[in-house]
Amino acid sequence: MESQNISLTEAQQMVDQWIKTIGVRYFSELTNLAMLTEEVGELARIIARTYGDQSFKTSDEGKDMADEMADVLWVLICLANQTGVDLNQAFLQNIQKKTLRDKDRHLNNEKLK
């Protein structure tokens, strides 16, 4: 697939269109929450083996960190769509919140110097 930049809003629309045309319907919110936890676990496994002390098992071969991150994003987008969350707006508000709250905190953290 050709590389392209999309907004969070476009990603939400793309997932919604896929669900309605190929996926039949959204899974329940609770099922998607369980799936999100599962996908985060799969990502954690790859990160633990790539950057941590564990070695890869044969069953880990062929796992792709970027693909696992995309799986996490997919399910998160599904949950946002189901619950009426505009991820673009939520992300912008979250950045603003973090900026106001932490504008000096990290700069003054001796552990980060």
PDB file of N, CA and C in Angstrom:
ATOM      1  N   MET A   1       0.846  -1.182   0.000  1.00  0.00           N
ATOM      2  CA  MET A   1       0.000   0.000   0.000  1.00  0.00           C
ATOM      3  C   MET A   1       0.888   1.240   0.000  1.00  0.00           C
ATOM      4  N   GLU A   2       0.522   2.212  -0.769  1.00  0.00           N
ATOM      5  CA  GLU A   2       1.265   3.469  -0.857  1.00  0.00           C
ATOM      6  C   GLU A   2       1.190   4.215   0.468  1.00  0.00           C
ATOM      7  N   SER A   3       2.324   4.742   0.899  1.00  0.00           N
ATOM      8  CA  SER A   3       2.374   5.491   2.153  1.00  0.00           C
ATOM      9  C   SER A   3       1.615   6.806   1.989  1.00  0.00           C
ATOM     10  N   GLN A   4       0.782   7.096   2.982  1.00  0.00           N
ATOM     11  CA  GLN A   4       0.041   8.346   2.966  1.00  0.00           C
ATOM     12  C   GLN A   4      -0.159   8.816   4.397  1.00  0.00           C
ATOM     13  N   ASN A   5      -0.273  10.098   4.570  1.00  0.00           N
ATOM     14  CA  ASN A   5      -0.556  10.663   5.880  1.00  0.00           C
ATOM     15  C   ASN A   5      -2.057  10.855   6.012  1.00  0.00           C
ATOM     16  N   ILE A   6      -2.588  10.427   7.153  1.00  0.00           N
ATOM     17  CA  ILE A   6      -4.007  10.610   7.427  1.00  0.00           C
ATOM     18  C   ILE A   6      -4.163  11.176   8.828  1.00  0.00           C
ATOM     19  N   SER A   7      -5.243  11.869   9.040  1.00  0.00           N
ATOM     20  CA  SER A   7      -5.544  12.402  10.367  1.00  0.00           C
ATOM     21  C   SER A   7      -6.236  11.328  11.206  1.00  0.00           C
ATOM     22  N   LEU A   8      -6.326  11.574  12.486  1.00  0.00           N
ATOM     23  CA  LEU A   8      -7.073  10.656  13.342  1.00  0.00           C
ATOM     24  C   LEU A   8      -8.537  10.596  12.921  1.00  0.00           C
ATOM     25  N   THR A   9      -9.073  11.728  12.496  1.00  0.00           N
ATOM     26  CA  THR A   9     -10.461  11.768  12.024  1.00  0.00           C
ATOM     27  C   THR A   9     -10.626  10.865  10.801  1.00  0.00           C
ATOM     28  N   GLU A  10      -9.690  10.956   9.876  1.00  0.00           N
ATOM     29  CA  GLU A  10      -9.751  10.096   8.682  1.00  0.00           C
ATOM     30  C   GLU A  10      -9.595   8.628   9.057  1.00  0.00           C
ATOM     31  N   ALA A  11      -8.724   8.345  10.014  1.00  0.00           N
ATOM     32  CA  ALA A  11      -8.547   6.962  10.461  1.00  0.00           C
ATOM     33  C   ALA A  11      -9.845   6.426  11.059  1.00  0.00           C
ATOM     34  N   GLN A  12     -10.507   7.252  11.862  1.00  0.00           N
ATOM     35  CA  GLN A  12     -11.778   6.825  12.434  1.00  0.00           C
ATOM     36  C   GLN A  12     -12.809   6.552  11.341  1.00  0.00           C
ATOM     37  N   GLN A  13     -12.838   7.395  10.321  1.00  0.00           N
ATOM     38  CA  GLN A  13     -13.776   7.198   9.216  1.00  0.00           C
ATOM     39  C   GLN A  13     -13.438   5.937   8.420  1.00  0.00           C
ATOM     40  N   MET A  14     -12.153   5.684   8.202  1.00  0.00           N
ATOM     41  CA  MET A  14     -11.724   4.501   7.453  1.00  0.00           C
ATOM     42  C   MET A  14     -12.106   3.212   8.190  1.00  0.00           C
ATOM     43  N   VAL A  15     -11.883   3.193   9.505  1.00  0.00           N
ATOM     44  CA  VAL A  15     -12.241   2.016  10.299  1.00  0.00           C
ATOM     45  C   VAL A  15     -13.752   1.822  10.267  1.00  0.00           C
ATOM     46  N   ASP A  16     -14.512   2.894  10.442  1.00  0.00           N
ATOM     47  CA  ASP A  16     -15.967   2.787  10.428  1.00  0.00           C
ATOM     48  C   ASP A  16     -16.473   2.247   9.094  1.00  0.00           C
ATOM     49  N   GLN A  17     -15.916   2.746   8.010  1.00  0.00           N
ATOM     50  CA  GLN A  17     -16.309   2.267   6.674  1.00  0.00           C
ATOM     51  C   GLN A  17     -15.976   0.791   6.511  1.00  0.00           C
ATOM     52  N   TRP A  18     -14.798   0.381   6.974  1.00  0.00           N
ATOM     53  CA  TRP A  18     -14.387  -1.029   6.868  1.00  0.00           C
ATOM     54  C   TRP A  18     -15.329  -1.912   7.674  1.00  0.00           C
ATOM     55  N   ILE A  19     -15.625  -1.489   8.903  1.00  0.00           N
ATOM     56  CA  ILE A  19     -16.521  -2.272   9.761  1.00  0.00           C
ATOM     57  C   ILE A  19     -17.882  -2.442   9.087  1.00  0.00           C
ATOM     58  N   LYS A  20     -18.407  -1.375   8.521  1.00  0.00           N
ATOM     59  CA  LYS A  20     -19.754  -1.408   7.932  1.00  0.00           C
ATOM     60  C   LYS A  20     -19.805  -2.159   6.610  1.00  0.00           C
ATOM     61  N   THR A  21     -18.692  -2.284   5.898  1.00  0.00           N
ATOM     62  CA  THR A  21     -18.719  -2.948   4.594  1.00  0.00           C
ATOM     63  C   THR A  21     -18.089  -4.337   4.605  1.00  0.00           C
ATOM     64  N   ILE A  22     -17.117  -4.562   5.472  1.00  0.00           N
ATOM     65  CA  ILE A  22     -16.409  -5.843   5.487  1.00  0.00           C
ATOM     66  C   ILE A  22     -16.593  -6.565   6.819  1.00  0.00           C
ATOM     67  N   GLY A  23     -16.567  -5.820   7.893  1.00  0.00           N
ATOM     68  CA  GLY A  23     -16.620  -6.414   9.226  1.00  0.00           C
ATOM     69  C   GLY A  23     -18.005  -6.736   9.736  1.00  0.00           C
ATOM     70  N   VAL A  24     -19.030  -6.411   8.992  1.00  0.00           N
ATOM     71  CA  VAL A  24     -20.446  -6.643   9.301  1.00  0.00           C
ATOM     72  C   VAL A  24     -20.952  -5.689  10.388  1.00  0.00           C
ATOM     73  N   ARG A  25     -20.318  -5.710  11.569  1.00  0.00           N
ATOM     74  CA  ARG A  25     -20.711  -4.809  12.652  1.00  0.00           C
ATOM     75  C   ARG A  25     -19.571  -4.747  13.654  1.00  0.00           C
ATOM     76  N   TYR A  26     -19.642  -3.748  14.529  1.00  0.00           N
ATOM     77  CA  TYR A  26     -18.665  -3.648  15.610  1.00  0.00           C
ATOM     78  C   TYR A  26     -18.908  -4.768  16.611  1.00  0.00           C
ATOM     79  N   PHE A  27     -17.843  -5.297  17.181  1.00  0.00           N
ATOM     80  CA  PHE A  27     -17.984  -6.166  18.344  1.00  0.00           C
ATOM     81  C   PHE A  27     -18.461  -5.282  19.497  1.00  0.00           C
ATOM     82  N   SER A  28     -18.962  -5.881  20.549  1.00  0.00           N
ATOM     83  CA  SER A  28     -19.409  -5.088  21.695  1.00  0.00           C
ATOM     84  C   SER A  28     -18.223  -4.339  22.300  1.00  0.00           C
ATOM     85  N   GLU A  29     -18.536  -3.293  23.018  1.00  0.00           N
ATOM     86  CA  GLU A  29     -17.492  -2.502  23.668  1.00  0.00           C
ATOM     87  C   GLU A  29     -16.660  -3.352  24.626  1.00  0.00           C
ATOM     88  N   LEU A  30     -17.303  -4.238  25.359  1.00  0.00           N
ATOM     89  CA  LEU A  30     -16.559  -5.102  26.284  1.00  0.00           C
ATOM     90  C   LEU A  30     -15.655  -6.077  25.539  1.00  0.00           C
ATOM     91  N   THR A  31     -16.135  -6.613  24.430  1.00  0.00           N
ATOM     92  CA  THR A  31     -15.284  -7.492  23.614  1.00  0.00           C
ATOM     93  C   THR A  31     -14.102  -6.715  23.075  1.00  0.00           C
ATOM     94  N   ASN A  32     -14.358  -5.496  22.592  1.00  0.00           N
ATOM     95  CA  ASN A  32     -13.253  -4.688  22.069  1.00  0.00           C
ATOM     96  C   ASN A  32     -12.269  -4.300  23.171  1.00  0.00           C
ATOM     97  N   LEU A  33     -12.740  -4.058  24.372  1.00  0.00           N
ATOM     98  CA  LEU A  33     -11.818  -3.779  25.473  1.00  0.00           C
ATOM     99  C   LEU A  33     -10.921  -4.995  25.738  1.00  0.00           C
ATOM    100  N   ALA A  34     -11.517  -6.177  25.745  1.00  0.00           N
ATOM    101  CA  ALA A  34     -10.723  -7.399  25.930  1.00  0.00           C
ATOM    102  C   ALA A  34      -9.724  -7.563  24.785  1.00  0.00           C
ATOM    103  N   MET A  35     -10.166  -7.264  23.568  1.00  0.00           N
ATOM    104  CA  MET A  35      -9.276  -7.368  22.407  1.00  0.00           C
ATOM    105  C   MET A  35      -8.136  -6.353  22.501  1.00  0.00           C
ATOM    106  N   LEU A  36      -8.436  -5.137  22.986  1.00  0.00           N
ATOM    107  CA  LEU A  36      -7.405  -4.120  23.157  1.00  0.00           C
ATOM    108  C   LEU A  36      -6.339  -4.607  24.137  1.00  0.00           C
ATOM    109  N   THR A  37      -6.782  -5.207  25.226  1.00  0.00           N
ATOM    110  CA  THR A  37      -5.853  -5.749  26.215  1.00  0.00           C
ATOM    111  C   THR A  37      -4.986  -6.842  25.594  1.00  0.00           C
ATOM    112  N   GLU A  38      -5.598  -7.693  24.805  1.00  0.00           N
ATOM    113  CA  GLU A  38      -4.867  -8.762  24.119  1.00  0.00           C
ATOM    114  C   GLU A  38      -3.828  -8.185  23.158  1.00  0.00           C
ATOM    115  N   GLU A  39      -4.213  -7.198  22.385  1.00  0.00           N
ATOM    116  CA  GLU A  39      -3.281  -6.595  21.413  1.00  0.00           C
ATOM    117  C   GLU A  39      -2.129  -5.883  22.116  1.00  0.00           C
ATOM    118  N   VAL A  40      -2.409  -5.193  23.222  1.00  0.00           N
ATOM    119  CA  VAL A  40      -1.341  -4.543  23.990  1.00  0.00           C
ATOM    120  C   VAL A  40      -0.391  -5.608  24.534  1.00  0.00           C
ATOM    121  N   GLY A  41      -0.929  -6.733  24.958  1.00  0.00           N
ATOM    122  CA  GLY A  41      -0.090  -7.837  25.424  1.00  0.00           C
ATOM    123  C   GLY A  41       0.825  -8.370  24.336  1.00  0.00           C
ATOM    124  N   GLU A  42       0.309  -8.494  23.120  1.00  0.00           N
ATOM    125  CA  GLU A  42       1.129  -8.961  21.999  1.00  0.00           C
ATOM    126  C   GLU A  42       2.249  -7.965  21.698  1.00  0.00           C
ATOM    127  N   LEU A  43       1.940  -6.682  21.760  1.00  0.00           N
ATOM    128  CA  LEU A  43       2.950  -5.649  21.563  1.00  0.00           C
ATOM    129  C   LEU A  43       3.984  -5.707  22.684  1.00  0.00           C
ATOM    130  N   ALA A  44       3.525  -5.862  23.907  1.00  0.00           N
ATOM    131  CA  ALA A  44       4.435  -5.937  25.055  1.00  0.00           C
ATOM    132  C   ALA A  44       5.390  -7.118  24.916  1.00  0.00           C
ATOM    133  N   ARG A  45       4.898  -8.218  24.412  1.00  0.00           N
ATOM    134  CA  ARG A  45       5.739  -9.414  24.222  1.00  0.00           C
ATOM    135  C   ARG A  45       6.886  -9.111  23.265  1.00  0.00           C
ATOM    136  N   ILE A  46       6.588  -8.460  22.163  1.00  0.00           N
ATOM    137  CA  ILE A  46       7.630  -8.124  21.184  1.00  0.00           C
ATOM    138  C   ILE A  46       8.631  -7.142  21.789  1.00  0.00           C
ATOM    139  N   ILE A  47       8.134  -6.129  22.483  1.00  0.00           N
ATOM    140  CA  ILE A  47       9.029  -5.139  23.086  1.00  0.00           C
ATOM    141  C   ILE A  47       9.896  -5.784  24.159  1.00  0.00           C
ATOM    142  N   ALA A  48       9.317  -6.669  24.972  1.00  0.00           N
ATOM    143  CA  ALA A  48      10.078  -7.347  26.018  1.00  0.00           C
ATOM    144  C   ALA A  48      11.199  -8.191  25.423  1.00  0.00           C
ATOM    145  N   ARG A  49      10.940  -8.802  24.279  1.00  0.00           N
ATOM    146  CA  ARG A  49      11.943  -9.655  23.665  1.00  0.00           C
ATOM    147  C   ARG A  49      12.963  -8.854  22.853  1.00  0.00           C
ATOM    148  N   THR A  50      12.533  -7.736  22.309  1.00  0.00           N
ATOM    149  CA  THR A  50      13.438  -6.905  21.510  1.00  0.00           C
ATOM    150  C   THR A  50      14.336  -6.044  22.392  1.00  0.00           C
ATOM    151  N   TYR A  51      13.778  -5.448  23.421  1.00  0.00           N
ATOM    152  CA  TYR A  51      14.521  -4.496  24.246  1.00  0.00           C
ATOM    153  C   TYR A  51      14.778  -4.981  25.666  1.00  0.00           C
ATOM    154  N   GLY A  52      14.103  -6.035  26.071  1.00  0.00           N
ATOM    155  CA  GLY A  52      14.256  -6.553  27.427  1.00  0.00           C
ATOM    156  C   GLY A  52      15.200  -7.735  27.478  1.00  0.00           C
ATOM    157  N   ASP A  53      15.090  -8.480  28.535  1.00  0.00           N
ATOM    158  CA  ASP A  53      16.020  -9.568  28.804  1.00  0.00           C
ATOM    159  C   ASP A  53      15.565 -10.922  28.262  1.00  0.00           C
ATOM    160  N   GLN A  54      14.327 -11.017  27.825  1.00  0.00           N
ATOM    161  CA  GLN A  54      13.838 -12.299  27.326  1.00  0.00           C
ATOM    162  C   GLN A  54      14.305 -12.536  25.898  1.00  0.00           C
ATOM    163  N   SER A  55      14.496 -13.808  25.579  1.00  0.00           N
ATOM    164  CA  SER A  55      14.856 -14.169  24.207  1.00  0.00           C
ATOM    165  C   SER A  55      13.597 -14.525  23.433  1.00  0.00           C
ATOM    166  N   PHE A  56      13.709 -14.479  22.123  1.00  0.00           N
ATOM    167  CA  PHE A  56      12.582 -14.821  21.258  1.00  0.00           C
ATOM    168  C   PHE A  56      12.360 -16.323  21.256  1.00  0.00           C
ATOM    169  N   LYS A  57      11.106 -16.715  21.211  1.00  0.00           N
ATOM    170  CA  LYS A  57      10.723 -18.110  21.049  1.00  0.00           C
ATOM    171  C   LYS A  57      10.386 -18.336  19.582  1.00  0.00           C
ATOM    172  N   THR A  58      10.346 -19.558  19.173  1.00  0.00           N
ATOM    173  CA  THR A  58       9.990 -19.882  17.797  1.00  0.00           C
ATOM    174  C   THR A  58       8.627 -19.293  17.446  1.00  0.00           C
ATOM    175  N   SER A  59       7.706 -19.314  18.396  1.00  0.00           N
ATOM    176  CA  SER A  59       6.351 -18.789  18.154  1.00  0.00           C
ATOM    177  C   SER A  59       6.346 -17.268  17.974  1.00  0.00           C
ATOM    178  N   ASP A  60       7.440 -16.587  18.366  1.00  0.00           N
ATOM    179  CA  ASP A  60       7.524 -15.142  18.212  1.00  0.00           C
ATOM    180  C   ASP A  60       8.005 -14.727  16.827  1.00  0.00           C
ATOM    181  N   GLU A  61       8.572 -15.656  16.097  1.00  0.00           N
ATOM    182  CA  GLU A  61       9.139 -15.325  14.792  1.00  0.00           C
ATOM    183  C   GLU A  61       8.053 -14.826  13.845  1.00  0.00           C
ATOM    184  N   GLY A  62       8.391 -13.815  13.083  1.00  0.00           N
ATOM    185  CA  GLY A  62       7.455 -13.257  12.122  1.00  0.00           C
ATOM    186  C   GLY A  62       6.538 -12.199  12.705  1.00  0.00           C
ATOM    187  N   LYS A  63       6.629 -11.964  14.009  1.00  0.00           N
ATOM    188  CA  LYS A  63       5.816 -10.914  14.623  1.00  0.00           C
ATOM    189  C   LYS A  63       6.451  -9.562  14.318  1.00  0.00           C
ATOM    190  N   ASP A  64       5.630  -8.602  13.985  1.00  0.00           N
ATOM    191  CA  ASP A  64       6.102  -7.287  13.563  1.00  0.00           C
ATOM    192  C   ASP A  64       5.583  -6.229  14.529  1.00  0.00           C
ATOM    193  N   MET A  65       6.507  -5.481  15.148  1.00  0.00           N
ATOM    194  CA  MET A  65       6.120  -4.482  16.135  1.00  0.00           C
ATOM    195  C   MET A  65       5.181  -3.434  15.539  1.00  0.00           C
ATOM    196  N   ALA A  66       5.471  -2.953  14.350  1.00  0.00           N
ATOM    197  CA  ALA A  66       4.615  -1.933  13.728  1.00  0.00           C
ATOM    198  C   ALA A  66       3.206  -2.469  13.506  1.00  0.00           C
ATOM    199  N   ASP A  67       3.101  -3.712  13.070  1.00  0.00           N
ATOM    200  CA  ASP A  67       1.790  -4.318  12.849  1.00  0.00           C
ATOM    201  C   ASP A  67       1.034  -4.472  14.157  1.00  0.00           C
ATOM    202  N   GLU A  68       1.734  -4.834  15.212  1.00  0.00           N
ATOM    203  CA  GLU A  68       1.081  -4.964  16.519  1.00  0.00           C
ATOM    204  C   GLU A  68       0.622  -3.605  17.031  1.00  0.00           C
ATOM    205  N   MET A  69       1.425  -2.556  16.799  1.00  0.00           N
ATOM    206  CA  MET A  69       0.997  -1.208  17.183  1.00  0.00           C
ATOM    207  C   MET A  69      -0.245  -0.798  16.403  1.00  0.00           C
ATOM    208  N   ALA A  70      -0.281  -1.146  15.133  1.00  0.00           N
ATOM    209  CA  ALA A  70      -1.449  -0.833  14.302  1.00  0.00           C
ATOM    210  C   ALA A  70      -2.683  -1.583  14.797  1.00  0.00           C
ATOM    211  N   ASP A  71      -2.505  -2.839  15.266  1.00  0.00           N
ATOM    212  CA  ASP A  71      -3.631  -3.589  15.836  1.00  0.00           C
ATOM    213  C   ASP A  71      -4.183  -2.888  17.070  1.00  0.00           C
ATOM    214  N   VAL A  72      -3.283  -2.376  17.920  1.00  0.00           N
ATOM    215  CA  VAL A  72      -3.709  -1.630  19.113  1.00  0.00           C
ATOM    216  C   VAL A  72      -4.500  -0.396  18.691  1.00  0.00           C
ATOM    217  N   LEU A  73      -3.970   0.337  17.723  1.00  0.00           N
ATOM    218  CA  LEU A  73      -4.641   1.543  17.244  1.00  0.00           C
ATOM    219  C   LEU A  73      -6.010   1.214  16.647  1.00  0.00           C
ATOM    220  N   TRP A  74      -6.090   0.151  15.879  1.00  0.00           N
ATOM    221  CA  TRP A  74      -7.347  -0.274  15.252  1.00  0.00           C
ATOM    222  C   TRP A  74      -8.439  -0.473  16.302  1.00  0.00           C
ATOM    223  N   VAL A  75      -8.131  -1.257  17.327  1.00  0.00           N
ATOM    224  CA  VAL A  75      -9.149  -1.557  18.336  1.00  0.00           C
ATOM    225  C   VAL A  75      -9.487  -0.303  19.140  1.00  0.00           C
ATOM    226  N   LEU A  76      -8.494   0.536  19.417  1.00  0.00           N
ATOM    227  CA  LEU A  76      -8.759   1.793  20.111  1.00  0.00           C
ATOM    228  C   LEU A  76      -9.696   2.678  19.284  1.00  0.00           C
ATOM    229  N   ILE A  77      -9.465   2.719  17.980  1.00  0.00           N
ATOM    230  CA  ILE A  77     -10.344   3.490  17.089  1.00  0.00           C
ATOM    231  C   ILE A  77     -11.759   2.906  17.095  1.00  0.00           C
ATOM    232  N   CYS A  78     -11.864   1.592  17.087  1.00  0.00           N
ATOM    233  CA  CYS A  78     -13.191   0.967  17.171  1.00  0.00           C
ATOM    234  C   CYS A  78     -13.914   1.421  18.432  1.00  0.00           C
ATOM    235  N   LEU A  79     -13.215   1.389  19.561  1.00  0.00           N
ATOM    236  CA  LEU A  79     -13.834   1.821  20.817  1.00  0.00           C
ATOM    237  C   LEU A  79     -14.223   3.295  20.768  1.00  0.00           C
ATOM    238  N   ALA A  80     -13.381   4.122  20.188  1.00  0.00           N
ATOM    239  CA  ALA A  80     -13.703   5.544  20.063  1.00  0.00           C
ATOM    240  C   ALA A  80     -14.950   5.735  19.213  1.00  0.00           C
ATOM    241  N   ASN A  81     -15.008   5.033  18.092  1.00  0.00           N
ATOM    242  CA  ASN A  81     -16.178   5.149  17.217  1.00  0.00           C
ATOM    243  C   ASN A  81     -17.447   4.707  17.938  1.00  0.00           C
ATOM    244  N   GLN A  82     -17.356   3.631  18.675  1.00  0.00           N
ATOM    245  CA  GLN A  82     -18.534   3.094  19.357  1.00  0.00           C
ATOM    246  C   GLN A  82     -19.028   4.001  20.476  1.00  0.00           C
ATOM    247  N   THR A  83     -18.118   4.721  21.093  1.00  0.00           N
ATOM    248  CA  THR A  83     -18.489   5.514  22.262  1.00  0.00           C
ATOM    249  C   THR A  83     -18.599   7.003  21.949  1.00  0.00           C
ATOM    250  N   GLY A  84     -18.457   7.362  20.677  1.00  0.00           N
ATOM    251  CA  GLY A  84     -18.639   8.742  20.260  1.00  0.00           C
ATOM    252  C   GLY A  84     -17.475   9.667  20.579  1.00  0.00           C
ATOM    253  N   VAL A  85     -16.285   9.107  20.730  1.00  0.00           N
ATOM    254  CA  VAL A  85     -15.107   9.925  21.033  1.00  0.00           C
ATOM    255  C   VAL A  85     -14.445  10.358  19.732  1.00  0.00           C
ATOM    256  N   ASP A  86     -14.223  11.643  19.593  1.00  0.00           N
ATOM    257  CA  ASP A  86     -13.465  12.206  18.474  1.00  0.00           C
ATOM    258  C   ASP A  86     -12.002  12.189  18.905  1.00  0.00           C
ATOM    259  N   LEU A  87     -11.239  11.215  18.411  1.00  0.00           N
ATOM    260  CA  LEU A  87      -9.852  11.061  18.844  1.00  0.00           C
ATOM    261  C   LEU A  87      -8.985  12.256  18.491  1.00  0.00           C
ATOM    262  N   ASN A  88      -9.258  12.899  17.385  1.00  0.00           N
ATOM    263  CA  ASN A  88      -8.485  14.080  17.001  1.00  0.00           C
ATOM    264  C   ASN A  88      -8.638  15.166  18.063  1.00  0.00           C
ATOM    265  N   GLN A  89      -9.875  15.456  18.431  1.00  0.00           N
ATOM    266  CA  GLN A  89     -10.150  16.477  19.447  1.00  0.00           C
ATOM    267  C   GLN A  89      -9.620  16.034  20.805  1.00  0.00           C
ATOM    268  N   ALA A  90      -9.827  14.780  21.150  1.00  0.00           N
ATOM    269  CA  ALA A  90      -9.366  14.272  22.441  1.00  0.00           C
ATOM    270  C   ALA A  90      -7.847  14.359  22.554  1.00  0.00           C
ATOM    271  N   PHE A  91      -7.149  14.048  21.455  1.00  0.00           N
ATOM    272  CA  PHE A  91      -5.685  14.114  21.473  1.00  0.00           C
ATOM    273  C   PHE A  91      -5.210  15.548  21.647  1.00  0.00           C
ATOM    274  N   LEU A  92      -5.816  16.474  20.920  1.00  0.00           N
ATOM    275  CA  LEU A  92      -5.426  17.878  21.049  1.00  0.00           C
ATOM    276  C   LEU A  92      -5.661  18.392  22.466  1.00  0.00           C
ATOM    277  N   GLN A  93      -6.792  18.026  23.059  1.00  0.00           N
ATOM    278  CA  GLN A  93      -7.083  18.431  24.435  1.00  0.00           C
ATOM    279  C   GLN A  93      -6.094  17.793  25.409  1.00  0.00           C
ATOM    280  N   ASN A  94      -5.708  16.553  25.140  1.00  0.00           N
ATOM    281  CA  ASN A  94      -4.779  15.854  26.012  1.00  0.00           C
ATOM    282  C   ASN A  94      -3.391  16.489  25.970  1.00  0.00           C
ATOM    283  N   ILE A  95      -2.945  16.881  24.784  1.00  0.00           N
ATOM    284  CA  ILE A  95      -1.654  17.568  24.658  1.00  0.00           C
ATOM    285  C   ILE A  95      -1.685  18.883  25.435  1.00  0.00           C
ATOM    286  N   GLN A  96      -2.779  19.623  25.302  1.00  0.00           N
ATOM    287  CA  GLN A  96      -2.912  20.891  26.017  1.00  0.00           C
ATOM    288  C   GLN A  96      -2.877  20.661  27.529  1.00  0.00           C
ATOM    289  N   LYS A  97      -3.590  19.651  28.001  1.00  0.00           N
ATOM    290  CA  LYS A  97      -3.612  19.320  29.425  1.00  0.00           C
ATOM    291  C   LYS A  97      -2.205  18.992  29.922  1.00  0.00           C
ATOM    292  N   LYS A  98      -1.494  18.137  29.200  1.00  0.00           N
ATOM    293  CA  LYS A  98      -0.150  17.746  29.595  1.00  0.00           C
ATOM    294  C   LYS A  98       0.811  18.936  29.572  1.00  0.00           C
ATOM    295  N   THR A  99       0.655  19.797  28.586  1.00  0.00           N
ATOM    296  CA  THR A  99       1.526  20.969  28.473  1.00  0.00           C
ATOM    297  C   THR A  99       1.336  21.898  29.661  1.00  0.00           C
ATOM    298  N   LEU A 100       0.092  22.166  30.010  1.00  0.00           N
ATOM    299  CA  LEU A 100      -0.188  23.050  31.152  1.00  0.00           C
ATOM    300  C   LEU A 100       0.277  22.418  32.467  1.00  0.00           C
ATOM    301  N   ARG A 101       0.021  21.151  32.610  1.00  0.00           N
ATOM    302  CA  ARG A 101       0.339  20.462  33.865  1.00  0.00           C
ATOM    303  C   ARG A 101       1.839  20.248  34.040  1.00  0.00           C
ATOM    304  N   ASP A 102       2.535  19.931  32.957  1.00  0.00           N
ATOM    305  CA  ASP A 102       3.921  19.465  33.051  1.00  0.00           C
ATOM    306  C   ASP A 102       4.943  20.411  32.442  1.00  0.00           C
ATOM    307  N   LYS A 103       4.555  21.678  32.205  1.00  0.00           N
ATOM    308  CA  LYS A 103       5.453  22.588  31.486  1.00  0.00           C
ATOM    309  C   LYS A 103       6.806  22.731  32.150  1.00  0.00           C
ATOM    310  N   ASP A 104       6.877  22.647  33.468  1.00  0.00           N
ATOM    311  CA  ASP A 104       8.156  22.757  34.174  1.00  0.00           C
ATOM    312  C   ASP A 104       8.575  21.452  34.848  1.00  0.00           C
ATOM    313  N   ARG A 105       7.639  20.571  35.040  1.00  0.00           N
ATOM    314  CA  ARG A 105       7.888  19.353  35.823  1.00  0.00           C
ATOM    315  C   ARG A 105       9.052  18.537  35.282  1.00  0.00           C
ATOM    316  N   HIS A 106       9.063  18.235  33.988  1.00  0.00           N
ATOM    317  CA  HIS A 106      10.104  17.388  33.417  1.00  0.00           C
ATOM    318  C   HIS A 106      11.430  18.126  33.308  1.00  0.00           C
ATOM    319  N   LEU A 107      11.355  19.411  33.015  1.00  0.00           N
ATOM    320  CA  LEU A 107      12.583  20.228  32.932  1.00  0.00           C
ATOM    321  C   LEU A 107      13.309  20.279  34.268  1.00  0.00           C
ATOM    322  N   ASN A 108      12.553  20.243  35.347  1.00  0.00           N
ATOM    323  CA  ASN A 108      13.125  20.328  36.681  1.00  0.00           C
ATOM    324  C   ASN A 108      13.370  18.961  37.326  1.00  0.00           C
ATOM    325  N   ASN A 109      13.168  17.906  36.596  1.00  0.00           N
ATOM    326  CA  ASN A 109      13.344  16.558  37.124  1.00  0.00           C
ATOM    327  C   ASN A 109      14.814  16.154  36.997  1.00  0.00           C
ATOM    328  N   GLU A 110      15.494  16.066  38.114  1.00  0.00           N
ATOM    329  CA  GLU A 110      16.922  15.711  38.127  1.00  0.00           C
ATOM    330  C   GLU A 110      17.172  14.334  37.519  1.00  0.00           C
ATOM    331  N   LYS A 111      16.202  13.444  37.627  1.00  0.00           N
ATOM    332  CA  LYS A 111      16.345  12.089  37.082  1.00  0.00           C
ATOM    333  C   LYS A 111      16.450  12.097  35.561  1.00  0.00           C
ATOM    334  N   LEU A 112      15.958  13.141  34.922  1.00  0.00           N
ATOM    335  CA  LEU A 112      15.964  13.201  33.457  1.00  0.00           C
ATOM    336  C   LEU A 112      17.170  13.935  32.902  1.00  0.00           C
ATOM    337  N   LYS A 113      18.041  14.444  33.770  1.00  0.00           N
ATOM    338  CA  LYS A 113      19.201  15.200  33.309  1.00  0.00           C
ATOM    339  C   LYS A 113      20.415  14.319  33.163  1.00  0.00           C
TER     340      LYS A 113
END
